[in-house]
Amino acid sequence: MLEDVAHFIGNHGSNLSKMERGAISFPVDVVRAIKTALDVEWLPIYEHERAPFKERMLAWYDDIADNNLEEAKKMQPEFAKIKYLPIEEDFNILYDLFSCRLHIKLGEKEVAEEIFQRLGNIENNATEESMLGQYYYYFTKTSLEMADGRDKEALESAKKAKVFLRDGTTDRKERKRLAYITALCYGNLGSIGYVISTLEDVQPLCSGKHENFIEYYIDIFLAKNYIVAGNLRRANILAKECYKTATSSGNKNDLTSVLLVMGFLHRKAKRWSFALDYVNEVIPLCDKESANYLEAIYQKLHCYMDTSDYSKCPALIQEGKMFSALNERETYKVMFKSVECLLSLNVEGSIDYLENIALPYLEKEKAYGLVIDYSEILIAYYEKGKGHMARMLVRTMALRNIYNKILEGSYGG
């Protein structure tokens, strides 16, 4: 190998052997030639090469974080060469963490977990790169814990990640990313108030024009939670901007998501014809086995219920139940069965299903917006004096307690 490299760079194997043993120093031109021979030209051998390498590595991470996954996969083999320099421990750690994040994004959770477990605990030695490593370590830990459904642990890891963020351009981007994943943790824990406050904290860092991937997702998630919390004015402002972004980008998934949000917003604002217009736009964009298709059917069904156009409901309920069952989407099976019960609250078994099956299941599945919707309906039903008075008082208090805790941000956490 040494002779091959020497031949490639026009030097003698004996000279390289002496350099390797430390008998003579490596001239700069020889180092450059060796790096070229080994196809590692931009690995950081000298101190002045560290900053450009770090910048290039962070650009790779931006591609991963912004879901430019094909480009990120192409770039990965270049950064894997840092393994040739085990002495560069901080950069090796960053490479492993960024690779881990890439595998998470690609849905390769087991591979990501294996990489992460090999890392063990990272000790902070206060260098700039190791501080970055600490941040990305806890960010990655947050992602893995969320994927396992360990939302409380994920939230604690997100809080630890925040400790290692500093001021600066790179960290402004990361503050938005961290705020978003932290808000997802709070959302999974039913703490809608904390979702909103967490995302509002980073709103001043956003351009308002969705210049990058994360700003759009912050706004769409904030809009959804504003709707649940009843702040329809703020939701409308954000949803309109997200709609402009999605329509101009041509991304079908983003467009479908924002159309559903616009439909939900207008339904809550009692502008049912507008809600139906948005929801009807979704249906031809979706495969019938998709969650978005079922969500569109569900929202459309609620519009007809809200306007007492009950004659159109049975067909939609049957369609929703059929596709939910065919595609094994248990949450939607419960949702469509719940709507069927909502249309027949006086029929024996309907209230029992909503109280004892639907609500507990939806709480477990973290569908807190639906928990609020169904709680409101049941509270109204009980307050009209339906059913046994003692049961009415107990259930109304329990439902109001859940409802208020979700909106205050103290539920589930």
Protein backbone atom coordinates (compact mmCIF):
# COMPACT_ATOMS: atom_id res chain seq x y z
CA MET A 1 0.00 0.00 0.00
CA LEU A 2 2.78 2.43 0.97
CA GLU A 3 4.69 1.67 -2.22
CA ASP A 4 1.53 2.19 -4.29
CA VAL A 5 0.92 5.60 -2.72
CA ALA A 6 4.60 6.55 -3.18
CA HIS A 7 4.44 5.57 -6.84
CA PHE A 8 1.22 7.54 -7.36
CA ILE A 9 2.69 10.75 -5.91
CA GLY A 10 6.10 10.33 -7.50
CA ASN A 11 8.02 9.70 -4.29
CA HIS A 12 9.98 6.85 -2.74
CA GLY A 13 8.44 4.30 -0.43
CA SER A 14 11.42 4.62 1.88
CA ASN A 15 10.77 8.36 2.30
CA LEU A 16 7.11 7.76 3.18
CA SER A 17 8.18 5.06 5.63
CA LYS A 18 10.51 7.52 7.36
CA MET A 19 7.73 10.13 7.48
CA GLU A 20 5.34 7.56 8.92
CA ARG A 21 7.86 6.71 11.68
CA GLY A 22 8.44 10.40 12.41
CA ALA A 23 12.08 10.26 11.30
CA ILE A 24 11.46 13.13 8.89
CA SER A 25 8.61 15.63 8.64
CA PHE A 26 5.83 15.56 6.05
CA PRO A 27 6.24 18.42 3.54
CA VAL A 28 2.95 20.15 2.73
CA ASP A 29 3.11 19.20 -0.95
CA VAL A 30 3.59 15.52 -0.03
CA VAL A 31 0.58 15.61 2.33
CA ARG A 32 -1.54 17.14 -0.41
CA ALA A 33 -0.39 14.51 -2.88
CA ILE A 34 -1.14 11.70 -0.42
CA LYS A 35 -4.64 13.09 0.24
CA THR A 36 -5.26 13.22 -3.50
CA ALA A 37 -4.01 9.65 -3.91
CA LEU A 38 -6.36 8.45 -1.19
CA ASP A 39 -9.27 10.60 -2.48
CA VAL A 40 -9.57 12.44 0.82
CA GLU A 41 -8.52 15.93 -0.34
CA TRP A 42 -10.78 17.84 1.99
CA LEU A 43 -10.31 15.85 5.21
CA PRO A 44 -8.95 18.16 7.95
CA ILE A 45 -5.26 17.32 8.39
CA TYR A 46 -4.17 20.86 9.23
CA GLU A 47 -5.83 23.28 11.64
CA HIS A 48 -6.85 25.71 8.89
CA GLU A 49 -8.76 22.86 7.19
CA ARG A 50 -11.04 22.25 10.15
CA ALA A 51 -13.42 25.18 9.67
CA PRO A 52 -14.18 24.45 5.97
CA PHE A 53 -14.71 20.76 6.79
CA LYS A 54 -17.07 21.63 9.64
CA GLU A 55 -19.02 24.01 7.40
CA ARG A 56 -19.34 21.33 4.73
CA MET A 57 -20.49 18.81 7.34
CA LEU A 58 -23.17 21.17 8.66
CA ALA A 59 -24.40 21.75 5.10
CA TRP A 60 -24.80 17.97 4.83
CA TYR A 61 -26.84 18.00 8.03
CA ASP A 62 -29.02 20.80 6.62
CA ASP A 63 -29.89 18.53 3.70
CA ILE A 64 -30.83 15.78 6.15
CA ALA A 65 -32.88 18.09 8.38
CA ASP A 66 -34.63 19.69 5.38
CA ASN A 67 -35.57 16.28 3.93
CA ASN A 68 -33.25 16.55 0.90
CA LEU A 69 -32.58 12.90 1.51
CA GLU A 70 -31.41 11.82 -1.95
CA GLU A 71 -28.72 14.50 -1.91
CA ALA A 72 -27.81 13.61 1.67
CA LYS A 73 -27.38 9.93 0.75
CA LYS A 74 -25.07 10.88 -2.13
CA MET A 75 -22.90 12.97 0.17
CA GLN A 76 -22.62 10.41 2.98
CA PRO A 77 -19.71 8.36 1.52
CA GLU A 78 -17.57 11.50 1.37
CA PHE A 79 -18.05 12.20 5.07
CA ALA A 80 -17.58 8.54 5.99
CA LYS A 81 -13.89 9.05 5.17
CA ILE A 82 -13.50 10.95 8.46
CA LYS A 83 -13.24 7.45 9.95
CA TYR A 84 -9.73 7.37 8.42
CA LEU A 85 -8.84 9.97 11.06
CA PRO A 86 -9.87 8.48 14.42
CA ILE A 87 -7.81 11.18 16.13
CA GLU A 88 -10.52 13.65 14.99
CA GLU A 89 -12.90 12.39 17.66
CA ASP A 90 -15.30 15.34 17.56
CA PHE A 91 -15.81 15.11 13.80
CA ASN A 92 -16.22 11.33 14.03
CA ILE A 93 -18.96 11.86 16.63
CA LEU A 94 -20.71 14.44 14.42
CA TYR A 95 -20.52 12.05 11.46
CA ASP A 96 -22.11 9.23 13.48
CA LEU A 97 -24.86 11.50 14.81
CA PHE A 98 -25.67 12.94 11.39
CA SER A 99 -25.69 9.43 9.89
CA CYS A 100 -28.02 8.37 12.67
CA ARG A 101 -30.35 11.27 11.86
CA LEU A 102 -30.29 10.33 8.17
CA HIS A 103 -31.30 6.74 8.94
CA ILE A 104 -34.14 7.99 11.17
CA LYS A 105 -35.42 10.15 8.30
CA LEU A 106 -35.17 7.19 5.92
CA GLY A 107 -37.26 5.09 8.31
CA GLU A 108 -34.30 2.86 9.18
CA LYS A 109 -34.78 3.06 12.93
CA GLU A 110 -32.88 -0.10 13.83
CA VAL A 111 -29.78 1.06 11.96
CA ALA A 112 -30.02 4.46 13.67
CA GLU A 113 -30.34 2.85 17.10
CA GLU A 114 -27.29 0.66 16.47
CA ILE A 115 -25.16 3.68 15.54
CA PHE A 116 -26.43 5.63 18.52
CA GLN A 117 -25.77 2.83 20.99
CA ARG A 118 -22.18 2.52 19.75
CA LEU A 119 -21.62 6.16 20.63
CA GLY A 120 -22.41 5.67 24.32
CA ASN A 121 -22.43 8.81 26.46
CA ILE A 122 -20.60 11.82 25.05
CA GLU A 123 -18.57 13.78 27.57
CA ASN A 124 -18.36 17.51 27.07
CA ASN A 125 -14.81 18.85 26.95
CA ALA A 126 -15.92 22.40 26.11
CA THR A 127 -14.47 22.59 22.58
CA GLU A 128 -16.71 24.15 19.97
CA GLU A 129 -17.11 20.86 18.08
CA SER A 130 -17.83 18.86 21.23
CA MET A 131 -20.51 21.37 22.26
CA LEU A 132 -22.10 20.79 18.85
CA GLY A 133 -21.78 17.07 19.44
CA GLN A 134 -23.61 17.37 22.74
CA TYR A 135 -26.44 19.28 21.09
CA TYR A 136 -26.85 16.83 18.21
CA TYR A 137 -26.52 13.90 20.62
CA TYR A 138 -29.53 15.02 22.66
CA PHE A 139 -31.46 16.06 19.54
CA THR A 140 -30.95 12.60 18.05
CA LYS A 141 -31.84 11.00 21.38
CA THR A 142 -35.09 12.99 21.31
CA SER A 143 -35.93 11.66 17.83
CA LEU A 144 -35.25 8.04 18.79
CA GLU A 145 -37.25 8.28 22.01
CA MET A 146 -40.19 9.82 20.13
CA ALA A 147 -40.04 6.99 17.59
CA ASP A 148 -40.35 4.56 20.52
CA GLY A 149 -43.33 6.45 21.96
CA ARG A 150 -41.31 7.54 25.01
CA ASP A 151 -42.50 11.13 24.84
CA LYS A 152 -41.67 12.17 28.40
CA GLU A 153 -38.08 10.97 28.00
CA ALA A 154 -37.94 12.65 24.58
CA LEU A 155 -39.06 15.94 26.09
CA GLU A 156 -36.32 15.76 28.73
CA SER A 157 -33.72 15.06 26.04
CA ALA A 158 -34.97 18.05 24.02
CA LYS A 159 -34.58 20.26 27.09
CA LYS A 160 -30.98 19.01 27.50
CA ALA A 161 -30.26 19.74 23.84
CA LYS A 162 -31.36 23.33 24.37
CA VAL A 163 -28.59 23.83 26.97
CA PHE A 164 -25.95 23.40 24.24
CA LEU A 165 -27.37 25.90 21.77
CA ARG A 166 -25.50 29.18 21.45
CA ASP A 167 -26.13 32.43 19.60
CA GLY A 168 -25.20 32.55 15.93
CA THR A 169 -26.57 31.82 12.46
CA THR A 170 -26.28 28.04 12.69
CA ASP A 171 -27.91 28.01 16.08
CA ARG A 172 -30.81 30.17 14.89
CA LYS A 173 -31.68 27.39 12.44
CA GLU A 174 -31.25 24.79 15.13
CA ARG A 175 -33.40 26.73 17.59
CA LYS A 176 -36.27 26.47 15.12
CA ARG A 177 -35.66 22.77 14.54
CA LEU A 178 -35.38 22.09 18.25
CA ALA A 179 -38.51 24.12 19.02
CA TYR A 180 -40.44 22.10 16.44
CA ILE A 181 -39.40 18.70 17.80
CA THR A 182 -40.01 19.94 21.37
CA ALA A 183 -43.49 21.06 20.34
CA LEU A 184 -44.13 17.62 18.86
CA CYS A 185 -43.23 16.11 22.24
CA TYR A 186 -45.64 18.45 24.02
CA GLY A 187 -48.33 17.66 21.45
CA ASN A 188 -47.91 13.93 22.03
CA LEU A 189 -48.26 14.56 25.74
CA GLY A 190 -51.48 16.51 25.26
CA SER A 191 -49.96 19.83 26.31
CA ILE A 192 -51.40 22.09 23.63
CA GLY A 193 -50.66 25.24 25.61
CA TYR A 194 -46.96 24.36 25.69
CA VAL A 195 -46.99 23.50 21.98
CA ILE A 196 -48.20 27.00 21.25
CA SER A 197 -45.82 28.81 23.63
CA THR A 198 -42.81 26.78 22.42
CA LEU A 199 -43.45 27.62 18.78
CA GLU A 200 -44.36 31.24 19.51
CA ASP A 201 -40.94 31.64 21.16
CA VAL A 202 -39.19 31.02 17.84
CA GLN A 203 -41.65 32.91 15.64
CA PRO A 204 -39.41 36.05 15.69
CA LEU A 205 -36.64 33.92 14.13
CA CYS A 206 -38.86 32.99 11.18
CA SER A 207 -39.04 35.10 8.04
CA GLY A 208 -42.78 34.68 7.61
CA LYS A 209 -42.11 33.66 3.99
CA HIS A 210 -41.20 30.01 4.65
CA GLU A 211 -37.69 30.37 3.29
CA ASN A 212 -36.86 26.89 4.50
CA PHE A 213 -38.52 23.59 5.33
CA ILE A 214 -38.75 24.07 9.10
CA GLU A 215 -40.48 27.47 9.02
CA TYR A 216 -43.36 26.00 7.02
CA TYR A 217 -43.79 23.10 9.44
CA ILE A 218 -43.64 25.39 12.47
CA ASP A 219 -46.44 27.51 11.02
CA ILE A 220 -48.67 24.62 9.94
CA PHE A 221 -48.32 22.89 13.31
CA LEU A 222 -48.95 26.14 15.17
CA ALA A 223 -52.03 26.80 13.01
CA LYS A 224 -53.45 23.35 13.86
CA ASN A 225 -52.99 23.94 17.55
CA TYR A 226 -54.42 27.46 17.40
CA ILE A 227 -57.56 25.92 15.86
CA VAL A 228 -57.86 23.37 18.66
CA ALA A 229 -57.31 26.12 21.24
CA GLY A 230 -59.96 28.32 19.58
CA ASN A 231 -57.62 31.09 18.36
CA LEU A 232 -59.06 31.07 14.85
CA ARG A 233 -57.81 34.53 13.88
CA ARG A 234 -54.15 33.60 14.39
CA ALA A 235 -54.73 30.20 12.81
CA ASN A 236 -56.22 31.85 9.73
CA ILE A 237 -53.19 34.14 9.25
CA LEU A 238 -50.73 31.26 9.42
CA ALA A 239 -52.82 28.83 7.40
CA LYS A 240 -53.16 31.32 4.53
CA GLU A 241 -49.38 31.73 4.32
CA CYS A 242 -48.91 27.96 4.43
CA TYR A 243 -51.49 27.57 1.67
CA LYS A 244 -49.55 30.02 -0.54
CA THR A 245 -46.32 28.13 0.11
CA ALA A 246 -47.83 24.71 -0.57
CA THR A 247 -49.56 25.77 -3.81
CA SER A 248 -46.41 27.43 -5.16
CA SER A 249 -44.11 24.55 -4.20
CA GLY A 250 -46.12 21.89 -6.01
CA ASN A 251 -45.52 19.43 -3.18
CA LYS A 252 -48.67 17.26 -3.13
CA ASN A 253 -48.23 16.11 0.47
CA ASP A 254 -47.83 19.67 1.75
CA LEU A 255 -50.81 20.85 -0.30
CA THR A 256 -52.99 18.02 0.99
CA SER A 257 -52.03 18.75 4.59
CA VAL A 258 -52.71 22.48 4.37
CA LEU A 259 -56.04 21.94 2.58
CA LEU A 260 -57.13 19.75 5.49
CA VAL A 261 -56.06 22.45 7.95
CA MET A 262 -57.99 25.09 5.99
CA GLY A 263 -61.04 22.82 5.98
CA PHE A 264 -60.76 22.24 9.73
CA LEU A 265 -60.32 25.97 10.33
CA HIS A 266 -63.41 26.95 8.36
CA ARG A 267 -65.47 24.19 9.96
CA LYS A 268 -64.56 25.48 13.42
CA ALA A 269 -65.41 29.02 12.24
CA LYS A 270 -68.81 27.70 11.06
CA ARG A 271 -68.06 28.61 7.43
CA TRP A 272 -69.15 25.21 6.24
CA SER A 273 -69.34 25.87 2.50
CA PHE A 274 -65.70 27.03 2.52
CA ALA A 275 -64.73 24.03 4.66
CA LEU A 276 -66.36 21.66 2.17
CA ASP A 277 -64.61 23.37 -0.75
CA TYR A 278 -61.18 22.79 0.81
CA VAL A 279 -61.94 19.23 1.88
CA ASN A 280 -63.30 18.35 -1.56
CA GLU A 281 -60.01 19.54 -3.09
CA VAL A 282 -58.17 16.97 -0.98
CA ILE A 283 -60.08 13.87 -2.10
CA PRO A 284 -58.78 13.64 -5.73
CA LEU A 285 -55.21 14.25 -4.50
CA CYS A 286 -55.16 11.19 -2.23
CA ASP A 287 -55.03 7.44 -2.60
CA LYS A 288 -58.03 5.86 -0.93
CA GLU A 289 -55.80 3.86 1.41
CA SER A 290 -54.13 6.99 2.77
CA ALA A 291 -54.77 8.66 6.12
CA ASN A 292 -55.36 11.99 4.35
CA TYR A 293 -58.21 10.50 2.32
CA LEU A 294 -59.88 9.19 5.47
CA GLU A 295 -59.31 12.53 7.20
CA ALA A 296 -60.99 14.33 4.30
CA ILE A 297 -64.00 11.99 4.48
CA TYR A 298 -64.15 12.51 8.25
CA GLN A 299 -64.04 16.34 7.96
CA LYS A 300 -66.65 16.29 5.20
CA LEU A 301 -68.89 14.15 7.38
CA HIS A 302 -68.61 16.63 10.24
CA CYS A 303 -69.56 19.51 7.97
CA TYR A 304 -72.79 17.72 7.06
CA MET A 305 -73.44 16.92 10.72
CA ASP A 306 -72.81 20.53 11.74
CA THR A 307 -75.31 21.77 9.15
CA SER A 308 -77.86 19.05 10.00
CA ASP A 309 -77.59 17.62 6.47
CA TYR A 310 -77.89 14.13 7.93
CA SER A 311 -79.06 12.40 4.75
CA LYS A 312 -75.50 12.52 3.36
CA CYS A 313 -73.88 11.06 6.47
CA PRO A 314 -74.63 7.30 6.30
CA ALA A 315 -72.87 6.79 2.95
CA LEU A 316 -69.76 8.65 4.15
CA ILE A 317 -69.73 6.70 7.42
CA GLN A 318 -69.87 3.41 5.54
CA GLU A 319 -67.12 4.50 3.15
CA GLY A 320 -64.94 5.62 6.05
CA LYS A 321 -65.52 2.39 7.98
CA MET A 322 -64.81 0.28 4.91
CA PHE A 323 -61.48 1.92 3.99
CA SER A 324 -60.42 2.09 7.65
CA ALA A 325 -60.95 -1.65 7.97
CA LEU A 326 -59.33 -2.50 4.63
CA ASN A 327 -56.19 -0.56 5.46
CA GLU A 328 -56.12 -1.50 9.16
CA ARG A 329 -56.29 2.11 10.36
CA GLU A 330 -57.61 1.52 13.84
CA THR A 331 -57.84 5.19 14.84
CA TYR A 332 -60.09 5.98 11.89
CA LYS A 333 -62.21 2.90 12.59
CA VAL A 334 -62.85 4.34 16.06
CA MET A 335 -63.46 7.83 14.66
CA PHE A 336 -66.10 6.71 12.14
CA LYS A 337 -67.79 4.46 14.69
CA SER A 338 -67.80 7.44 17.07
CA VAL A 339 -69.51 9.64 14.49
CA GLU A 340 -72.11 6.93 14.02
CA CYS A 341 -72.72 7.04 17.78
CA LEU A 342 -72.82 10.85 17.82
CA LEU A 343 -75.68 10.71 15.33
CA SER A 344 -77.61 8.43 17.66
CA LEU A 345 -76.79 9.51 21.22
CA ASN A 346 -80.17 8.34 22.48
CA VAL A 347 -79.64 4.83 21.12
CA GLU A 348 -78.57 2.31 23.73
CA GLY A 349 -74.82 1.73 23.71
CA SER A 350 -73.83 4.95 21.93
CA ILE A 351 -72.85 6.91 25.03
CA ASP A 352 -71.11 3.88 26.52
CA TYR A 353 -69.05 3.46 23.35
CA LEU A 354 -67.98 7.12 23.33
CA GLU A 355 -67.14 7.24 27.05
CA ASN A 356 -65.63 3.82 27.59
CA ILE A 357 -64.04 2.96 24.24
CA ALA A 358 -63.59 6.01 22.00
CA LEU A 359 -62.32 8.58 24.52
CA PRO A 360 -59.84 6.25 26.30
CA TYR A 361 -58.54 4.99 22.95
CA LEU A 362 -58.12 8.49 21.51
CA GLU A 363 -56.33 9.64 24.67
CA LYS A 364 -53.96 6.67 24.34
CA GLU A 365 -53.37 7.49 20.67
CA LYS A 366 -52.74 11.16 21.58
CA ALA A 367 -55.58 12.43 19.37
CA TYR A 368 -56.25 15.27 21.78
CA GLY A 369 -58.13 17.46 19.31
CA LEU A 370 -60.70 14.68 18.97
CA VAL A 371 -60.79 14.22 22.74
CA ILE A 372 -61.75 17.90 23.03
CA ASP A 373 -64.37 17.64 20.27
CA TYR A 374 -66.07 14.58 21.75
CA SER A 375 -65.81 15.97 25.28
CA GLU A 376 -67.62 19.14 24.19
CA ILE A 377 -70.44 17.10 22.62
CA LEU A 378 -70.84 14.85 25.66
CA ILE A 379 -70.73 17.81 28.06
CA ALA A 380 -73.51 19.49 26.06
CA TYR A 381 -75.47 16.22 26.09
CA TYR A 382 -75.19 15.86 29.87
CA GLU A 383 -75.94 19.52 30.54
CA LYS A 384 -79.25 19.07 28.76
CA GLY A 385 -80.13 16.67 31.57
CA LYS A 386 -79.82 13.49 29.52
CA GLY A 387 -79.23 10.32 31.51
CA HIS A 388 -78.78 9.74 35.23
CA MET A 389 -78.11 13.00 37.14
CA ALA A 390 -75.25 11.68 39.32
CA ARG A 391 -73.52 10.15 36.31
CA MET A 392 -74.07 13.38 34.43
CA LEU A 393 -72.28 15.44 37.11
CA VAL A 394 -69.35 13.04 37.48
CA ARG A 395 -68.75 12.67 33.73
CA THR A 396 -69.17 16.38 33.04
CA MET A 397 -66.57 17.25 35.67
CA ALA A 398 -64.17 14.59 34.40
CA LEU A 399 -64.53 15.70 30.78
CA ARG A 400 -64.12 19.36 31.65
CA ASN A 401 -60.99 18.48 33.61
CA ILE A 402 -59.46 16.74 30.57
CA TYR A 403 -60.59 19.54 28.27
CA ASN A 404 -59.11 22.32 30.41
CA LYS A 405 -55.83 20.51 31.07
CA ILE A 406 -55.24 19.97 27.36
CA LEU A 407 -55.79 23.64 26.57
CA GLU A 408 -53.74 24.82 29.57
CA GLY A 409 -50.86 22.57 28.58
CA SER A 410 -50.79 20.47 31.74
CA TYR A 411 -52.43 17.30 30.40
CA GLY A 412 -50.37 14.15 30.06
CA GLY A 413 -47.13 15.71 31.29
